[in-house]
Amino acid sequence: MTFQLDVSKLDNFGEISGADFILVTTDELASKLDLVDTKKAYSSLIKECVTNYNQFEEALSSKFPEKAHILVVLPSIYVASPPPEVLGKYRKLATLACFSTPTSIESIFHFLEQATRTDSAMQEKIADRFFEVGESAKHIKFVNEEYGTSAVFKHLSDDLTWHEQIGKLDWGEQQLLPSGEVSTLPVSVFGEDIKSKLDLNGEILLKGQPVLHAGNVSFLRKDQDRIFNALNSITEHPLKLEVKQGEIQHVTAISSKGKGSADMLNALFDVDSRFRTIIELGFGINTNLELFPGNQAMNEVYGGKSGVIHYGIGLLPFTQYHIDFICPDTRVMDNNGIPLVGE
């Protein structure tokens, strides 16, 4: 099985201006990934194989051309964001988000294809509308009309941290691929205090695709798979969560077939009470992305037709896992019913 990657279609890299293109990957994947440049815009196409993160950083520091677009595909190596002085002023770095979940070669090929279909301009348009409506709203509502759930999020707080993984890269910048997420947290992702909570109250519905991320800490893939498989029943058998000040008070399975996922959530709460806190509200806005079956980190940016909410619990590396619940059937609107994302 091989895959031909047309690097000139990776819209997120934006301006090329005679840069070199560098794929950083493993020996195994290098033999299965063919690089082509149909627009003949790059000066050269380079494959760099590494076996650990230090080799990658050393290549950044001393080996790579000064002006380059760098794509990192390392499913078995945790890739930290290199500091600006190491990345360089005239490089752009995009990392395929393929370490935190078990990622097969087939799924890597799938998401590389999705990356070539990504429309950066559309992401920026959706994000602009999101912030335009949100800035004038008194609060944001999350509504699932089929199951009668509704929750209110008071989003106008200086204590919130907002993040964007969208649009085209500029020189000296880096992001995850495929791109397409706007998110907010009540804490800094680089801080150590994850006790703060979102001002979120009401009932939310978990119905859709879960993503169970594991970080660069000790864990077993078989345990990750077991937890994911238990939670995955929410794709068909939703859970209703009662939330008070951002903390999950109660979990209700809508049907008996959802009991296993409810039991697993409650077990996680018992092991680490911090999992009760909804630490992230994420909005996937990649409207070109097709979901891939199973536990896939790169599903997180799924945007459906006009944006999709996902709720996040746990924060790496402070908790063992970070879990996102992608909920396409939940509408996100302002206090007047104007949609921010979703139809």
Foldseek 3Di string as FASTA:
>chain_A
DAAEFQVLLLPQQPDAQQAEEEEEEAPVNVVRYHYDHVVPRYVYYYYHHDDEQVVVLVCLQPNHDQAYEYEYEYQCYAHDDDDLVSNHQRYEYEYAPRHFAPDDPVNVNQQSVLSSVFDQVQLVVLVVLLCVQVVPFQWKWKDQVVVGWIKTFRDPDPQKDKDAFGHHDDGSYYHYPPGFKIKIFSDDLPDDDQPAATQMFIKDKQEAAKAKTFHPDDDDNVVSQVLRVQQGCSPPWMWMFGDHRQFTDAIGTPDPSNVSNRVSLVVLCVVPVQQRGQGMKMKQARCSHDDDDDRGPNCRNHQHNWIWIWTWTDRPPNDRIIMIRTDLSIFMAGPVRHGSTHD
